[in-house]
């Protein structure tokens, strides 16, 4: 069953298969996809977006190979999430992120 409501929301009650997904990133305050940078010497950054919920799965991908992972340590539903490093490093850490609810 497929339903499209008057706001354009699509609901599929089975599998959805696609070759490519496009995410509208025109509104930084509400997008579920973006980029952020943890400045050199810092260990965390708050990423602001209303797309995050308490149940969100947040995927990160650094632009450069790292010897450690980026941790999602806090989610504030409808506001932001926090990405943290295990230690401060000498260079900026730029990464992409994607929220799936």
PDB file of N, CA and C in Angstrom:
ATOM      1  N   UNK A   1       0.841  -1.181   0.000  1.00  0.00           N
ATOM      2  CA  UNK A   1       0.000   0.000   0.000  1.00  0.00           C
ATOM      3  C   UNK A   1       0.884   1.240   0.000  1.00  0.00           C
ATOM      4  N   UNK A   2       0.559   2.205  -0.830  1.00  0.00           N
ATOM      5  CA  UNK A   2       1.277   3.475  -0.911  1.00  0.00           C
ATOM      6  C   UNK A   2       0.290   4.597  -0.645  1.00  0.00           C
ATOM      7  N   UNK A   3       0.687   5.520   0.227  1.00  0.00           N
ATOM      8  CA  UNK A   3      -0.164   6.657   0.561  1.00  0.00           C
ATOM      9  C   UNK A   3       0.636   7.948   0.397  1.00  0.00           C
ATOM     10  N   UNK A   4       0.025   8.928  -0.248  1.00  0.00           N
ATOM     11  CA  UNK A   4       0.605  10.265  -0.334  1.00  0.00           C
ATOM     12  C   UNK A   4      -0.426  11.220   0.259  1.00  0.00           C
ATOM     13  N   UNK A   5      -0.032  11.912   1.350  1.00  0.00           N
ATOM     14  CA  UNK A   5      -0.984  12.823   1.990  1.00  0.00           C
ATOM     15  C   UNK A   5      -0.958  14.198   1.320  1.00  0.00           C
ATOM     16  N   UNK A   6      -1.801  15.103   1.799  1.00  0.00           N
ATOM     17  CA  UNK A   6      -1.935  16.419   1.172  1.00  0.00           C
ATOM     18  C   UNK A   6      -0.688  17.288   1.346  1.00  0.00           C
ATOM     19  N   UNK A   7       0.230  16.917   2.251  1.00  0.00           N
ATOM     20  CA  UNK A   7       1.497  17.637   2.408  1.00  0.00           C
ATOM     21  C   UNK A   7       2.593  17.057   1.525  1.00  0.00           C
ATOM     22  N   UNK A   8       2.274  15.988   0.777  1.00  0.00           N
ATOM     23  CA  UNK A   8       3.257  15.365  -0.093  1.00  0.00           C
ATOM     24  C   UNK A   8       4.075  14.277   0.564  1.00  0.00           C
ATOM     25  N   UNK A   9       3.730  13.892   1.791  1.00  0.00           N
ATOM     26  CA  UNK A   9       4.442  12.821   2.480  1.00  0.00           C
ATOM     27  C   UNK A   9       4.061  11.475   1.886  1.00  0.00           C
ATOM     28  N   UNK A  10       5.060  10.676   1.607  1.00  0.00           N
ATOM     29  CA  UNK A  10       4.868   9.364   1.010  1.00  0.00           C
ATOM     30  C   UNK A  10       5.071   8.298   2.073  1.00  0.00           C
ATOM     31  N   UNK A  11       4.122   7.378   2.189  1.00  0.00           N
ATOM     32  CA  UNK A  11       4.250   6.251   3.114  1.00  0.00           C
ATOM     33  C   UNK A  11       4.090   4.963   2.331  1.00  0.00           C
ATOM     34  N   UNK A  12       5.071   4.074   2.496  1.00  0.00           N
ATOM     35  CA  UNK A  12       5.061   2.787   1.821  1.00  0.00           C
ATOM     36  C   UNK A  12       5.057   1.711   2.891  1.00  0.00           C
ATOM     37  N   UNK A  13       4.087   0.815   2.849  1.00  0.00           N
ATOM     38  CA  UNK A  13       3.986  -0.234   3.861  1.00  0.00           C
ATOM     39  C   UNK A  13       4.623  -1.537   3.406  1.00  0.00           C
ATOM     40  N   UNK A  14       5.652  -1.429   2.602  1.00  0.00           N
ATOM     41  CA  UNK A  14       6.415  -2.586   2.136  1.00  0.00           C
ATOM     42  C   UNK A  14       7.818  -2.099   1.812  1.00  0.00           C
ATOM     43  N   UNK A  15       8.523  -2.807   0.989  1.00  0.00           N
ATOM     44  CA  UNK A  15       9.877  -2.422   0.630  1.00  0.00           C
ATOM     45  C   UNK A  15       9.873  -1.287  -0.384  1.00  0.00           C
ATOM     46  N   UNK A  16      10.915  -0.469  -0.306  1.00  0.00           N
ATOM     47  CA  UNK A  16      11.123   0.614  -1.260  1.00  0.00           C
ATOM     48  C   UNK A  16      12.504   0.414  -1.869  1.00  0.00           C
ATOM     49  N   UNK A  17      12.576   0.341  -3.173  1.00  0.00           N
ATOM     50  CA  UNK A  17      13.846   0.141  -3.866  1.00  0.00           C
ATOM     51  C   UNK A  17      14.070   1.311  -4.808  1.00  0.00           C
ATOM     52  N   UNK A  18      15.288   1.843  -4.762  1.00  0.00           N
ATOM     53  CA  UNK A  18      15.631   2.951  -5.645  1.00  0.00           C
ATOM     54  C   UNK A  18      17.101   2.857  -6.000  1.00  0.00           C
ATOM     55  N   UNK A  19      17.468   3.430  -7.125  1.00  0.00           N
ATOM     56  CA  UNK A  19      18.871   3.463  -7.511  1.00  0.00           C
ATOM     57  C   UNK A  19      19.594   4.636  -6.866  1.00  0.00           C
ATOM     58  N   UNK A  20      18.856   5.674  -6.500  1.00  0.00           N
ATOM     59  CA  UNK A  20      19.471   6.873  -5.940  1.00  0.00           C
ATOM     60  C   UNK A  20      18.453   7.606  -5.063  1.00  0.00           C
ATOM     61  N   UNK A  21      18.931   8.145  -3.958  1.00  0.00           N
ATOM     62  CA  UNK A  21      18.094   8.958  -3.077  1.00  0.00           C
ATOM     63  C   UNK A  21      18.617  10.385  -3.097  1.00  0.00           C
ATOM     64  N   UNK A  22      17.744  11.336  -3.272  1.00  0.00           N
ATOM     65  CA  UNK A  22      18.109  12.744  -3.225  1.00  0.00           C
ATOM     66  C   UNK A  22      17.478  13.358  -1.979  1.00  0.00           C
ATOM     67  N   UNK A  23      18.279  14.103  -1.238  1.00  0.00           N
ATOM     68  CA  UNK A  23      17.801  14.761  -0.029  1.00  0.00           C
ATOM     69  C   UNK A  23      17.821  16.266  -0.265  1.00  0.00           C
ATOM     70  N   UNK A  24      16.710  16.917   0.006  1.00  0.00           N
ATOM     71  CA  UNK A  24      16.614  18.369  -0.121  1.00  0.00           C
ATOM     72  C   UNK A  24      17.375  19.004   1.042  1.00  0.00           C
ATOM     73  N   UNK A  25      18.476  19.680   0.748  1.00  0.00           N
ATOM     74  CA  UNK A  25      19.295  20.320   1.781  1.00  0.00           C
ATOM     75  C   UNK A  25      19.184  21.840   1.718  1.00  0.00           C
ATOM     76  N   UNK A  26      18.147  22.347   1.068  1.00  0.00           N
ATOM     77  CA  UNK A  26      18.011  23.791   0.885  1.00  0.00           C
ATOM     78  C   UNK A  26      17.738  24.543   2.182  1.00  0.00           C
ATOM     79  N   UNK A  27      17.201  23.858   3.196  1.00  0.00           N
ATOM     80  CA  UNK A  27      16.956  24.498   4.490  1.00  0.00           C
ATOM     81  C   UNK A  27      17.836  23.820   5.539  1.00  0.00           C
ATOM     82  N   UNK A  28      18.950  24.451   5.884  1.00  0.00           N
ATOM     83  CA  UNK A  28      19.918  23.865   6.819  1.00  0.00           C
ATOM     84  C   UNK A  28      19.311  23.560   8.180  1.00  0.00           C
ATOM     85  N   UNK A  29      18.274  24.283   8.568  1.00  0.00           N
ATOM     86  CA  UNK A  29      17.666  24.088   9.896  1.00  0.00           C
ATOM     87  C   UNK A  29      16.834  22.813   9.988  1.00  0.00           C
ATOM     88  N   UNK A  30      16.400  22.279   8.836  1.00  0.00           N
ATOM     89  CA  UNK A  30      15.506  21.116   8.864  1.00  0.00           C
ATOM     90  C   UNK A  30      16.036  19.906   8.111  1.00  0.00           C
ATOM     91  N   UNK A  31      17.178  20.015   7.472  1.00  0.00           N
ATOM     92  CA  UNK A  31      17.672  18.929   6.623  1.00  0.00           C
ATOM     93  C   UNK A  31      18.108  17.707   7.427  1.00  0.00           C
ATOM     94  N   UNK A  32      18.078  16.548   6.771  1.00  0.00           N
ATOM     95  CA  UNK A  32      18.525  15.300   7.402  1.00  0.00           C
ATOM     96  C   UNK A  32      19.876  14.845   6.855  1.00  0.00           C
ATOM     97  N   UNK A  33      20.543  15.726   6.106  1.00  0.00           N
ATOM     98  CA  UNK A  33      21.830  15.414   5.498  1.00  0.00           C
ATOM     99  C   UNK A  33      22.673  16.677   5.478  1.00  0.00           C
ATOM    100  N   UNK A  34      23.960  16.541   5.809  1.00  0.00           N
ATOM    101  CA  UNK A  34      24.802  17.738   5.776  1.00  0.00           C
ATOM    102  C   UNK A  34      26.263  17.445   6.033  1.00  0.00           C
ATOM    103  N   UNK A  35      26.998  18.514   6.237  1.00  0.00           N
ATOM    104  CA  UNK A  35      28.417  18.447   6.534  1.00  0.00           C
ATOM    105  C   UNK A  35      28.698  19.313   7.750  1.00  0.00           C
ATOM    106  N   UNK A  36      29.747  18.939   8.502  1.00  0.00           N
ATOM    107  CA  UNK A  36      30.152  19.721   9.670  1.00  0.00           C
ATOM    108  C   UNK A  36      31.653  19.550   9.867  1.00  0.00           C
ATOM    109  N   UNK A  37      32.220  20.403  10.687  1.00  0.00           N
ATOM    110  CA  UNK A  37      33.651  20.354  10.968  1.00  0.00           C
ATOM    111  C   UNK A  37      33.890  20.513  12.458  1.00  0.00           C
ATOM    112  N   UNK A  38      34.678  19.596  13.019  1.00  0.00           N
ATOM    113  CA  UNK A  38      35.148  19.747  14.390  1.00  0.00           C
ATOM    114  C   UNK A  38      36.484  20.478  14.288  1.00  0.00           C
ATOM    115  N   UNK A  39      36.569  21.705  14.836  1.00  0.00           N
ATOM    116  CA  UNK A  39      37.797  22.485  14.687  1.00  0.00           C
ATOM    117  C   UNK A  39      38.995  21.836  15.392  1.00  0.00           C
ATOM    118  N   UNK A  40      40.184  22.079  14.849  1.00  0.00           N
ATOM    119  CA  UNK A  40      41.422  21.585  15.446  1.00  0.00           C
ATOM    120  C   UNK A  40      41.465  21.976  16.927  1.00  0.00           C
ATOM    121  N   UNK A  41      41.879  21.035  17.755  1.00  0.00           N
ATOM    122  CA  UNK A  41      41.985  21.291  19.189  1.00  0.00           C
ATOM    123  C   UNK A  41      40.705  21.051  19.968  1.00  0.00           C
ATOM    124  N   UNK A  42      39.586  20.888  19.275  1.00  0.00           N
ATOM    125  CA  UNK A  42      38.295  20.640  19.933  1.00  0.00           C
ATOM    126  C   UNK A  42      37.984  19.137  19.890  1.00  0.00           C
ATOM    127  N   UNK A  43      37.068  18.709  20.745  1.00  0.00           N
ATOM    128  CA  UNK A  43      36.700  17.289  20.758  1.00  0.00           C
ATOM    129  C   UNK A  43      35.248  17.037  20.365  1.00  0.00           C
ATOM    130  N   UNK A  44      34.464  18.093  20.138  1.00  0.00           N
ATOM    131  CA  UNK A  44      33.065  17.860  19.782  1.00  0.00           C
ATOM    132  C   UNK A  44      32.479  19.048  19.046  1.00  0.00           C
ATOM    133  N   UNK A  45      31.306  18.800  18.452  1.00  0.00           N
ATOM    134  CA  UNK A  45      30.539  19.856  17.802  1.00  0.00           C
ATOM    135  C   UNK A  45      29.058  19.511  17.917  1.00  0.00           C
ATOM    136  N   UNK A  46      28.238  20.523  18.120  1.00  0.00           N
ATOM    137  CA  UNK A  46      26.778  20.375  18.090  1.00  0.00           C
ATOM    138  C   UNK A  46      26.316  20.708  16.679  1.00  0.00           C
ATOM    139  N   UNK A  47      25.604  19.774  16.061  1.00  0.00           N
ATOM    140  CA  UNK A  47      25.067  19.966  14.714  1.00  0.00           C
ATOM    141  C   UNK A  47      23.587  20.294  14.865  1.00  0.00           C
ATOM    142  N   UNK A  48      23.200  21.469  14.415  1.00  0.00           N
ATOM    143  CA  UNK A  48      21.819  21.931  14.572  1.00  0.00           C
ATOM    144  C   UNK A  48      20.962  21.479  13.391  1.00  0.00           C
ATOM    145  N   UNK A  49      19.883  20.757  13.703  1.00  0.00           N
ATOM    146  CA  UNK A  49      18.868  20.380  12.718  1.00  0.00           C
ATOM    147  C   UNK A  49      17.635  19.881  13.462  1.00  0.00           C
ATOM    148  N   UNK A  50      16.480  20.281  12.995  1.00  0.00           N
ATOM    149  CA  UNK A  50      15.239  19.819  13.622  1.00  0.00           C
ATOM    150  C   UNK A  50      14.868  18.407  13.163  1.00  0.00           C
ATOM    151  N   UNK A  51      15.628  17.826  12.234  1.00  0.00           N
ATOM    152  CA  UNK A  51      15.320  16.481  11.718  1.00  0.00           C
ATOM    153  C   UNK A  51      15.621  15.380  12.727  1.00  0.00           C
ATOM    154  N   UNK A  52      16.428  15.650  13.733  1.00  0.00           N
ATOM    155  CA  UNK A  52      16.832  14.617  14.690  1.00  0.00           C
ATOM    156  C   UNK A  52      15.710  14.330  15.701  1.00  0.00           C
ATOM    157  N   UNK A  53      15.568  13.040  16.042  1.00  0.00           N
ATOM    158  CA  UNK A  53      14.646  12.615  17.093  1.00  0.00           C
ATOM    159  C   UNK A  53      15.416  11.727  18.060  1.00  0.00           C
ATOM    160  N   UNK A  54      14.786  11.361  19.157  1.00  0.00           N
ATOM    161  CA  UNK A  54      15.428  10.462  20.114  1.00  0.00           C
ATOM    162  C   UNK A  54      15.734   9.099  19.499  1.00  0.00           C
ATOM    163  N   UNK A  55      14.965   8.712  18.483  1.00  0.00           N
ATOM    164  CA  UNK A  55      15.135   7.403  17.846  1.00  0.00           C
ATOM    165  C   UNK A  55      15.935   7.456  16.541  1.00  0.00           C
ATOM    166  N   UNK A  56      16.497   8.604  16.210  1.00  0.00           N
ATOM    167  CA  UNK A  56      17.246   8.749  14.962  1.00  0.00           C
ATOM    168  C   UNK A  56      18.482   7.861  14.943  1.00  0.00           C
ATOM    169  N   UNK A  57      18.780   7.353  13.762  1.00  0.00           N
ATOM    170  CA  UNK A  57      20.063   6.705  13.490  1.00  0.00           C
ATOM    171  C   UNK A  57      20.867   7.739  12.714  1.00  0.00           C
ATOM    172  N   UNK A  58      22.039   8.085  13.224  1.00  0.00           N
ATOM    173  CA  UNK A  58      22.852   9.122  12.598  1.00  0.00           C
ATOM    174  C   UNK A  58      24.157   8.496  12.116  1.00  0.00           C
ATOM    175  N   UNK A  59      24.383   8.615  10.823  1.00  0.00           N
ATOM    176  CA  UNK A  59      25.571   8.043  10.199  1.00  0.00           C
ATOM    177  C   UNK A  59      26.546   9.168   9.881  1.00  0.00           C
ATOM    178  N   UNK A  60      27.830   8.955  10.178  1.00  0.00           N
ATOM    179  CA  UNK A  60      28.854   9.940   9.873  1.00  0.00           C
ATOM    180  C   UNK A  60      29.917   9.324   8.974  1.00  0.00           C
ATOM    181  N   UNK A  61      30.521  10.173   8.158  1.00  0.00           N
ATOM    182  CA  UNK A  61      31.581   9.731   7.257  1.00  0.00           C
ATOM    183  C   UNK A  61      32.628  10.841   7.168  1.00  0.00           C
ATOM    184  N   UNK A  62      33.798  10.639   7.779  1.00  0.00           N
ATOM    185  CA  UNK A  62      34.835  11.669   7.704  1.00  0.00           C
ATOM    186  C   UNK A  62      35.399  11.793   6.288  1.00  0.00           C
ATOM    187  N   UNK A  63      35.857  12.986   5.937  1.00  0.00           N
ATOM    188  CA  UNK A  63      36.421  13.222   4.611  1.00  0.00           C
ATOM    189  C   UNK A  63      37.817  12.616   4.460  1.00  0.00           C
ATOM    190  N   UNK A  64      38.489  12.350   5.565  1.00  0.00           N
ATOM    191  CA  UNK A  64      39.830  11.758   5.565  1.00  0.00           C
ATOM    192  C   UNK A  64      39.801  10.509   6.443  1.00  0.00           C
ATOM    193  N   UNK A  65      40.638   9.517   6.140  1.00  0.00           N
ATOM    194  CA  UNK A  65      40.706   8.336   7.015  1.00  0.00           C
ATOM    195  C   UNK A  65      41.152   8.732   8.427  1.00  0.00           C
ATOM    196  N   UNK A  66      40.511   8.150   9.431  1.00  0.00           N
ATOM    197  CA  UNK A  66      40.848   8.417  10.831  1.00  0.00           C
ATOM    198  C   UNK A  66      41.215   7.108  11.523  1.00  0.00           C
ATOM    199  N   UNK A  67      42.018   7.194  12.556  1.00  0.00           N
ATOM    200  CA  UNK A  67      42.373   5.998  13.337  1.00  0.00           C
ATOM    201  C   UNK A  67      41.386   5.767  14.473  1.00  0.00           C
ATOM    202  N   UNK A  68      40.305   6.537  14.491  1.00  0.00           N
ATOM    203  CA  UNK A  68      39.265   6.427  15.515  1.00  0.00           C
ATOM    204  C   UNK A  68      37.932   6.761  14.863  1.00  0.00           C
ATOM    205  N   UNK A  69      36.846   6.472  15.548  1.00  0.00           N
ATOM    206  CA  UNK A  69      35.523   6.757  14.981  1.00  0.00           C
ATOM    207  C   UNK A  69      34.940   8.029  15.590  1.00  0.00           C
ATOM    208  N   UNK A  70      33.975   8.589  14.877  1.00  0.00           N
ATOM    209  CA  UNK A  70      33.221   9.741  15.371  1.00  0.00           C
ATOM    210  C   UNK A  70      32.014   9.208  16.131  1.00  0.00           C
ATOM    211  N   UNK A  71      31.827   9.648  17.365  1.00  0.00           N
ATOM    212  CA  UNK A  71      30.717   9.160  18.171  1.00  0.00           C
ATOM    213  C   UNK A  71      29.578  10.155  18.244  1.00  0.00           C
ATOM    214  N   UNK A  72      28.358   9.647  18.178  1.00  0.00           N
ATOM    215  CA  UNK A  72      27.169  10.472  18.419  1.00  0.00           C
ATOM    216  C   UNK A  72      26.866  10.310  19.902  1.00  0.00           C
ATOM    217  N   UNK A  73      27.130  11.341  20.685  1.00  0.00           N
ATOM    218  CA  UNK A  73      27.040  11.212  22.139  1.00  0.00           C
ATOM    219  C   UNK A  73      25.783  11.833  22.742  1.00  0.00           C
ATOM    220  N   UNK A  74      25.036  12.610  21.932  1.00  0.00           N
ATOM    221  CA  UNK A  74      23.848  13.260  22.471  1.00  0.00           C
ATOM    222  C   UNK A  74      22.894  13.601  21.335  1.00  0.00           C
ATOM    223  N   UNK A  75      21.601  13.397  21.573  1.00  0.00           N
ATOM    224  CA  UNK A  75      20.561  13.793  20.627  1.00  0.00           C
ATOM    225  C   UNK A  75      19.550  14.655  21.379  1.00  0.00           C
ATOM    226  N   UNK A  76      19.255  15.830  20.860  1.00  0.00           N
ATOM    227  CA  UNK A  76      18.202  16.681  21.407  1.00  0.00           C
ATOM    228  C   UNK A  76      17.106  16.745  20.349  1.00  0.00           C
ATOM    229  N   UNK A  77      16.041  16.009  20.584  1.00  0.00           N
ATOM    230  CA  UNK A  77      14.968  15.866  19.611  1.00  0.00           C
ATOM    231  C   UNK A  77      14.477  17.223  19.102  1.00  0.00           C
ATOM    232  N   UNK A  78      14.465  17.363  17.775  1.00  0.00           N
ATOM    233  CA  UNK A  78      13.986  18.584  17.144  1.00  0.00           C
ATOM    234  C   UNK A  78      14.972  19.731  17.173  1.00  0.00           C
ATOM    235  N   UNK A  79      16.193  19.515  17.707  1.00  0.00           N
ATOM    236  CA  UNK A  79      17.146  20.617  17.843  1.00  0.00           C
ATOM    237  C   UNK A  79      18.527  20.328  17.273  1.00  0.00           C
ATOM    238  N   UNK A  80      19.191  19.275  17.793  1.00  0.00           N
ATOM    239  CA  UNK A  80      20.584  19.057  17.416  1.00  0.00           C
ATOM    240  C   UNK A  80      21.064  17.682  17.856  1.00  0.00           C
ATOM    241  N   UNK A  81      22.276  17.349  17.414  1.00  0.00           N
ATOM    242  CA  UNK A  81      22.974  16.179  17.930  1.00  0.00           C
ATOM    243  C   UNK A  81      24.449  16.555  18.101  1.00  0.00           C
ATOM    244  N   UNK A  82      25.146  15.823  18.962  1.00  0.00           N
ATOM    245  CA  UNK A  82      26.542  16.114  19.261  1.00  0.00           C
ATOM    246  C   UNK A  82      27.436  14.996  18.758  1.00  0.00           C
ATOM    247  N   UNK A  83      28.466  15.379  18.010  1.00  0.00           N
ATOM    248  CA  UNK A  83      29.468  14.440  17.512  1.00  0.00           C
ATOM    249  C   UNK A  83      30.745  14.678  18.313  1.00  0.00           C
ATOM    250  N   UNK A  84      31.354  13.587  18.769  1.00  0.00           N
ATOM    251  CA  UNK A  84      32.514  13.721  19.645  1.00  0.00           C
ATOM    252  C   UNK A  84      33.670  12.836  19.190  1.00  0.00           C
ATOM    253  N   UNK A  85      34.882  13.348  19.399  1.00  0.00           N
ATOM    254  CA  UNK A  85      36.120  12.608  19.152  1.00  0.00           C
ATOM    255  C   UNK A  85      36.634  12.057  20.477  1.00  0.00           C
ATOM    256  N   UNK A  86      37.403  10.965  20.461  1.00  0.00           N
ATOM    257  CA  UNK A  86      37.964  10.447  21.705  1.00  0.00           C
ATOM    258  C   UNK A  86      39.070  11.345  22.273  1.00  0.00           C
ATOM    259  N   UNK A  87      39.662  12.195  21.400  1.00  0.00           N
ATOM    260  CA  UNK A  87      40.725  13.110  21.835  1.00  0.00           C
ATOM    261  C   UNK A  87      40.818  14.260  20.846  1.00  0.00           C
ATOM    262  N   UNK A  88      41.357  15.372  21.290  1.00  0.00           N
ATOM    263  CA  UNK A  88      41.570  16.512  20.393  1.00  0.00           C
ATOM    264  C   UNK A  88      42.691  16.176  19.414  1.00  0.00           C
ATOM    265  N   UNK A  89      42.583  16.703  18.201  1.00  0.00           N
ATOM    266  CA  UNK A  89      43.618  16.487  17.184  1.00  0.00           C
ATOM    267  C   UNK A  89      44.097  17.837  16.644  1.00  0.00           C
ATOM    268  N   UNK A  90      45.202  17.807  15.928  1.00  0.00           N
ATOM    269  CA  UNK A  90      45.863  19.026  15.459  1.00  0.00           C
ATOM    270  C   UNK A  90      45.218  19.658  14.222  1.00  0.00           C
ATOM    271  N   UNK A  91      44.326  18.913  13.540  1.00  0.00           N
ATOM    272  CA  UNK A  91      43.717  19.451  12.329  1.00  0.00           C
ATOM    273  C   UNK A  91      42.194  19.384  12.420  1.00  0.00           C
ATOM    274  N   UNK A  92      41.530  20.202  11.605  1.00  0.00           N
ATOM    275  CA  UNK A  92      40.067  20.156  11.529  1.00  0.00           C
ATOM    276  C   UNK A  92      39.623  18.774  11.052  1.00  0.00           C
ATOM    277  N   UNK A  93      38.509  18.296  11.591  1.00  0.00           N
ATOM    278  CA  UNK A  93      37.913  17.033  11.143  1.00  0.00           C
ATOM    279  C   UNK A  93      36.595  17.373  10.447  1.00  0.00           C
ATOM    280  N   UNK A  94      36.606  17.284   9.114  1.00  0.00           N
ATOM    281  CA  UNK A  94      35.399  17.547   8.333  1.00  0.00           C
ATOM    282  C   UNK A  94      34.707  16.216   8.068  1.00  0.00           C
ATOM    283  N   UNK A  95      33.380  16.188   8.215  1.00  0.00           N
ATOM    284  CA  UNK A  95      32.635  14.953   8.005  1.00  0.00           C
ATOM    285  C   UNK A  95      31.246  15.251   7.449  1.00  0.00           C
ATOM    286  N   UNK A  96      30.688  14.252   6.809  1.00  0.00           N
ATOM    287  CA  UNK A  96      29.303  14.302   6.332  1.00  0.00           C
ATOM    288  C   UNK A  96      28.447  13.522   7.317  1.00  0.00           C
ATOM    289  N   UNK A  97      27.174  13.870   7.399  1.00  0.00           N
ATOM    290  CA  UNK A  97      26.254  13.170   8.282  1.00  0.00           C
ATOM    291  C   UNK A  97      24.905  12.982   7.589  1.00  0.00           C
ATOM    292  N   UNK A  98      24.198  11.925   8.041  1.00  0.00           N
ATOM    293  CA  UNK A  98      22.894  11.570   7.474  1.00  0.00           C
ATOM    294  C   UNK A  98      22.028  11.023   8.590  1.00  0.00           C
ATOM    295  N   UNK A  99      20.837  11.547   8.730  1.00  0.00           N
ATOM    296  CA  UNK A  99      19.883  11.106   9.749  1.00  0.00           C
ATOM    297  C   UNK A  99      18.816  10.236   9.090  1.00  0.00           C
ATOM    298  N   UNK A 100      18.571   9.071   9.682  1.00  0.00           N
ATOM    299  CA  UNK A 100      17.486   8.192   9.246  1.00  0.00           C
ATOM    300  C   UNK A 100      16.571   7.972  10.446  1.00  0.00           C
ATOM    301  N   UNK A 101      15.297   8.269  10.268  1.00  0.00           N
ATOM    302  CA  UNK A 101      14.324   8.073  11.348  1.00  0.00           C
ATOM    303  C   UNK A 101      13.422   6.898  11.026  1.00  0.00           C
TER     304      UNK A 101
END
